[in-house]
Protein backbone atom coordinates (compact mmCIF):
# COMPACT_ATOMS: atom_id res chain seq x y z
CA MET A 1 -21.02 -79.51 -6.00
CA MET A 2 -18.88 -76.96 -4.22
CA LYS A 3 -16.58 -74.17 -5.41
CA VAL A 4 -13.95 -72.57 -3.18
CA GLN A 5 -11.99 -69.42 -3.97
CA SER A 6 -9.55 -67.62 -1.69
CA PHE A 7 -7.11 -64.74 -1.65
CA SER A 8 -4.56 -63.80 1.00
CA GLN A 9 -2.09 -60.92 1.15
CA GLY A 10 0.34 -60.06 3.93
CA LYS A 11 0.93 -56.45 4.93
CA VAL A 12 4.63 -57.29 4.57
CA ALA A 13 5.89 -59.37 1.65
CA ASN A 14 6.70 -62.99 2.59
CA LYS A 15 5.31 -62.55 6.11
CA ASN A 16 1.62 -63.36 6.11
CA GLU A 17 0.21 -64.43 9.47
CA ASP A 18 -3.23 -65.15 7.99
CA TYR A 19 -3.97 -68.61 6.61
CA PHE A 20 -6.87 -70.49 4.99
CA ASN A 21 -7.38 -74.10 4.01
CA TYR A 22 -10.23 -76.57 3.62
CA ASN A 23 -11.40 -80.10 2.91
CA LYS A 24 -14.75 -81.47 1.76
CA GLU A 25 -16.47 -80.87 5.12
CA CYS A 26 -14.51 -78.10 6.81
CA PHE A 27 -13.28 -74.58 6.01
CA VAL A 28 -10.88 -72.74 8.32
CA ILE A 29 -9.49 -69.21 8.30
CA ALA A 30 -7.01 -68.07 10.96
CA ASP A 31 -5.33 -64.79 11.89
CA GLY A 32 -2.13 -65.32 13.86
CA ALA A 33 -0.46 -62.81 16.16
CA THR A 34 3.25 -62.85 16.92
CA ASP A 35 4.67 -62.82 20.43
CA LYS A 36 6.71 -59.85 21.64
CA SER A 37 10.00 -61.77 21.87
CA GLY A 38 11.03 -60.83 18.34
CA ARG A 39 12.18 -64.40 17.70
CA LYS A 40 11.89 -66.35 14.47
CA TYR A 41 11.31 -70.11 14.50
CA HIS A 42 12.60 -71.89 11.39
CA ASN A 43 12.49 -68.44 9.75
CA LYS A 44 8.80 -68.00 10.60
CA THR A 45 7.11 -65.74 13.13
CA GLY A 46 5.01 -67.11 15.94
CA GLY A 47 1.93 -65.74 14.19
CA GLU A 48 2.72 -67.69 11.03
CA LEU A 49 3.31 -70.89 12.99
CA VAL A 50 0.15 -70.69 15.07
CA SER A 51 -2.20 -69.81 12.19
CA ARG A 52 -0.99 -72.75 10.14
CA LEU A 53 -1.09 -75.14 13.07
CA VAL A 54 -4.64 -74.12 14.03
CA VAL A 55 -5.92 -74.55 10.48
CA LYS A 56 -4.23 -77.93 10.05
CA GLU A 57 -5.46 -79.33 13.37
CA ALA A 58 -9.01 -77.99 12.96
CA LEU A 59 -9.26 -79.68 9.57
CA HIS A 60 -8.10 -82.99 11.03
CA SER A 61 -10.64 -82.93 13.87
CA LYS A 62 -14.42 -83.36 13.95
CA LEU A 63 -14.94 -80.98 16.85
CA THR A 64 -16.85 -77.71 17.14
CA GLY A 65 -17.33 -74.98 19.74
CA VAL A 66 -15.55 -75.06 23.09
CA GLU A 67 -14.34 -78.64 22.58
CA LEU A 68 -12.55 -77.56 19.41
CA ILE A 69 -10.95 -74.56 21.14
CA ASN A 70 -9.73 -76.74 24.01
CA PHE A 71 -8.24 -79.23 21.54
CA LEU A 72 -6.44 -76.49 19.60
CA ASN A 73 -5.03 -74.93 22.77
CA LYS A 74 -3.50 -78.30 23.65
CA ARG A 75 -1.88 -78.48 20.22
CA VAL A 76 -0.43 -74.97 20.62
CA HIS A 77 0.87 -75.91 24.08
CA LYS A 78 2.60 -78.90 22.47
CA LEU A 79 4.14 -76.53 19.91
CA TYR A 80 5.68 -74.50 22.73
CA GLU A 81 7.15 -77.69 24.15
CA ASP A 82 8.57 -78.70 20.78
CA LEU A 83 10.16 -75.26 20.35
CA GLY A 84 11.63 -75.34 23.86
CA ILE A 85 9.91 -72.15 25.01
CA ILE A 86 7.41 -73.58 27.49
CA LYS A 87 8.92 -71.61 30.40
CA ASP A 88 8.85 -68.35 28.46
CA VAL A 89 5.13 -68.51 27.69
CA ILE A 90 4.13 -68.28 31.33
CA ASP A 91 4.23 -64.58 30.41
CA PRO A 92 1.34 -63.93 27.96
CA ARG A 93 3.47 -61.44 26.01
CA TYR A 94 5.54 -64.34 24.72
CA ARG A 95 2.67 -66.55 23.59
CA PHE A 96 1.54 -66.95 20.01
CA ALA A 97 -2.13 -66.08 19.60
CA CYS A 98 -4.79 -66.80 17.02
CA ALA A 99 -8.30 -65.70 16.07
CA PHE A 100 -10.20 -67.94 13.68
CA VAL A 101 -13.45 -69.08 12.06
CA VAL A 102 -14.26 -72.73 11.38
CA ALA A 103 -17.26 -73.68 9.23
CA ARG A 104 -17.94 -77.40 9.48
CA VAL A 105 -20.58 -79.48 7.71
CA LEU A 106 -22.01 -82.10 10.04
CA ALA A 107 -24.83 -84.18 8.52
CA ASP A 108 -27.56 -81.71 7.53
CA LYS A 109 -26.10 -78.74 9.44
CA LEU A 110 -23.41 -76.12 8.96
CA ILE A 111 -21.80 -75.28 12.32
CA VAL A 112 -19.63 -72.16 12.52
CA THR A 113 -17.23 -71.67 15.44
CA CYS A 114 -15.73 -68.17 15.90
CA LEU A 115 -13.10 -66.83 18.23
CA GLY A 116 -11.78 -63.28 17.99
CA ASP A 117 -12.11 -60.65 15.30
CA SER A 118 -12.25 -62.69 12.09
CA GLY A 119 -15.75 -62.93 10.61
CA PHE A 120 -18.12 -64.65 8.21
CA ARG A 121 -21.13 -63.91 6.02
CA ILE A 122 -23.94 -66.26 5.03
CA ASN A 123 -25.65 -66.00 1.63
CA GLY A 124 -24.23 -62.52 1.10
CA LYS A 125 -26.53 -61.07 3.79
CA VAL A 126 -26.11 -62.33 7.35
CA ILE A 127 -22.74 -61.11 8.62
CA TYR A 128 -20.91 -61.69 11.90
CA LYS A 129 -17.76 -59.91 13.01
CA GLU A 130 -16.76 -59.21 16.59
CA VAL A 131 -14.83 -56.05 17.42
CA GLY A 132 -13.13 -56.14 20.81
CA GLN A 133 -13.66 -53.22 23.20
CA ILE A 134 -9.92 -53.04 23.82
CA ASP A 135 -9.26 -52.61 20.08
CA THR A 136 -11.80 -49.80 19.87
CA TYR A 137 -10.26 -48.09 22.90
CA ASN A 138 -6.68 -48.34 21.60
CA SER A 139 -7.73 -47.24 18.11
CA GLU A 140 -9.34 -44.10 19.53
CA LYS A 141 -6.18 -43.31 21.51
CA ARG A 142 -4.07 -43.65 18.37
CA ALA A 143 -6.45 -41.47 16.34
CA LYS A 144 -6.42 -38.71 18.98
CA TYR A 145 -2.62 -38.78 19.07
CA ILE A 146 -2.34 -38.45 15.28
CA LYS A 147 -4.92 -35.66 15.18
CA LYS A 148 -2.98 -33.75 17.82
CA THR A 149 0.56 -34.33 16.51
CA GLY A 150 0.29 -35.41 12.85
CA ASP A 151 2.75 -38.19 13.74
CA ILE A 152 1.41 -41.20 11.86
CA ALA A 153 4.74 -43.04 11.79
CA GLY A 154 5.14 -42.83 15.57
CA SER A 155 1.51 -43.53 16.45
CA ARG A 156 1.96 -47.29 16.91
CA GLU A 157 4.86 -46.71 19.29
CA HIS A 158 2.79 -44.14 21.17
CA ILE A 159 0.10 -46.72 22.00
CA MET A 160 2.58 -49.57 22.55
CA PRO A 161 2.24 -49.33 26.37
CA LEU A 162 -1.50 -49.88 25.90
CA LEU A 163 -0.91 -52.80 23.53
CA LEU A 164 1.43 -54.42 26.05
CA LYS A 165 -1.04 -53.84 28.87
CA GLN A 166 -3.81 -55.60 26.95
CA PHE A 167 -2.05 -58.95 27.38
CA SER A 168 -3.51 -58.97 30.91
CA TYR A 169 -6.98 -58.97 29.30
CA GLN A 170 -6.21 -61.96 27.04
CA ASN A 171 -8.53 -64.87 27.89
CA ASN A 172 -9.60 -62.88 30.95
CA PRO A 173 -13.40 -63.18 31.40
CA ARG A 174 -13.53 -60.87 34.41
CA HIS A 175 -12.18 -57.68 32.86
CA ARG A 176 -14.41 -55.40 30.75
CA PHE A 177 -11.71 -55.42 28.06
CA GLY A 178 -11.34 -59.20 28.18
CA TYR A 179 -11.07 -61.01 24.88
CA GLY A 180 -10.49 -64.59 23.75
CA VAL A 181 -7.76 -66.16 21.62
CA ILE A 182 -6.13 -69.52 21.10
CA ASP A 183 -2.76 -69.18 22.83
CA GLY A 184 -2.03 -72.58 24.36
CA THR A 185 -3.76 -71.85 27.67
CA ASP A 186 -7.45 -71.97 28.65
CA THR A 187 -9.94 -69.94 26.60
CA PRO A 188 -13.11 -69.13 28.60
CA ALA A 189 -16.31 -70.38 26.99
CA LYS A 190 -17.85 -66.88 27.04
CA PHE A 191 -15.51 -65.84 24.20
CA VAL A 192 -16.41 -68.76 21.92
CA LYS A 193 -19.30 -68.08 19.52
CA VAL A 194 -21.15 -70.95 17.79
CA PHE A 195 -23.76 -70.62 15.04
CA THR A 196 -25.80 -73.45 13.49
CA TYR A 197 -27.54 -73.31 10.13
CA PRO A 198 -29.52 -75.84 8.05
CA LYS A 199 -27.08 -76.99 5.37
CA ASN A 200 -29.72 -76.90 2.63
CA LYS A 201 -30.31 -73.17 3.26
CA ILE A 202 -26.68 -72.23 2.61
CA LYS A 203 -25.72 -71.02 -0.85
CA THR A 204 -22.52 -69.17 0.04
CA ILE A 205 -20.36 -68.59 3.06
CA GLU A 206 -17.57 -66.02 3.10
CA LEU A 207 -14.81 -66.16 5.73
CA PHE A 208 -12.60 -63.11 6.23
CA THR A 209 -9.93 -61.76 8.55
CA ASP A 210 -9.93 -58.25 9.99
CA GLY A 211 -7.68 -56.88 7.24
CA TYR A 212 -10.95 -56.39 5.38
CA ILE A 213 -12.57 -53.56 7.31
CA VAL A 214 -15.70 -53.24 5.15
CA ALA A 215 -17.67 -56.05 3.52
CA PRO A 216 -18.81 -55.47 -0.08
CA ARG A 217 -22.27 -56.04 -1.49
CA GLY A 218 -21.04 -58.67 -3.94
CA ALA A 219 -19.57 -62.04 -3.07
CA THR A 220 -16.49 -62.37 -5.26
CA ILE A 221 -12.81 -61.88 -4.50
CA ASN A 222 -12.83 -58.88 -6.83
CA ASP A 223 -15.69 -57.36 -4.82
CA TRP A 224 -13.74 -57.76 -1.59
CA GLU A 225 -10.59 -56.30 -3.11
CA LEU A 226 -12.49 -53.30 -4.48
CA ALA A 227 -13.92 -52.71 -0.99
CA PHE A 228 -10.40 -52.93 0.44
CA LYS A 229 -9.07 -50.43 -2.11
CA LYS A 230 -11.91 -48.02 -1.36
CA VAL A 231 -10.98 -48.08 2.33
CA GLU A 232 -7.32 -47.49 1.41
CA GLN A 233 -8.30 -44.47 -0.66
CA GLU A 234 -10.57 -42.97 1.98
CA ASP A 235 -8.38 -43.56 5.03
CA PRO A 236 -5.00 -45.12 4.15
CA ASP A 237 -3.55 -44.81 7.65
CA LYS A 238 -6.73 -45.90 9.49
CA TRP A 239 -7.21 -43.06 11.95
CA LYS A 240 -10.10 -41.08 10.49
CA LYS A 241 -13.10 -42.97 9.11
CA TYR A 242 -11.73 -46.49 9.77
CA LYS A 243 -9.86 -46.24 13.05
CA SER A 244 -7.39 -49.03 13.84
CA THR A 245 -4.34 -49.67 15.98
CA LYS A 246 -2.17 -49.82 12.82
CA SER A 247 -2.16 -48.59 9.25
CA ARG A 248 -1.78 -51.99 7.57
CA ASP A 249 -2.84 -55.56 8.27
CA ASP A 250 -2.79 -58.97 6.62
CA ARG A 251 -6.02 -59.77 4.80
CA THR A 252 -7.63 -63.03 3.70
CA ILE A 253 -10.97 -63.83 2.10
CA ALA A 254 -12.38 -67.28 1.32
CA ILE A 255 -15.64 -67.77 -0.58
CA ILE A 256 -17.39 -71.15 -0.54
CA LYS A 257 -20.32 -71.67 -2.90
CA PHE A 258 -22.46 -74.76 -2.40
């Protein structure tokens, strides 16, 4: 028997770039990021399109690890072709990008593939979440600016040159700020994390996007939402205790109980 619960909320109404879905053997959570073109495609952002495509294609495959990432990049490349923007995405600023976690049951094992800053927790105890060095750097710059000026509303614009510069670090294994995403190009293997667990040892697995900054002790949606609300009360604009590059983010939690 298996029970799956999920909750997802966009930072802006009707524009949620997170997505979760599952089947009997596979559970996928994705956090999409929109390109800097400002375009909409069939009234959806690039982040919405890529998160839904990645989840759909991961569920339809049997792959894990680097092979899965390579497969998904090919599907995103095909999406660019279908949208007629293949020439534009030579510039990384105009690519859609996606972080994700895939938990796949294969025989007597649970194999988890991670890319980017979404995370997971096993049995309410063992947690994995990667925080990129570039995000930490940019968050500190934003916090220092707000502390100096009090300008929360303009803080994102202040660090925008840094956010644009970080596209040169995307899927770049040579730079100290390099980080990996699915964006329709090649994702270096060093950014792909794979974890294998005996299936019979797994009671729960929680998948979450980075909109949840702190994980709760409990393993229910209500627990996660209470943790989110506590963060909002303590640091609503995310520049003091919970530094971030922005005040708000989409958030998604999925809880699978075996």
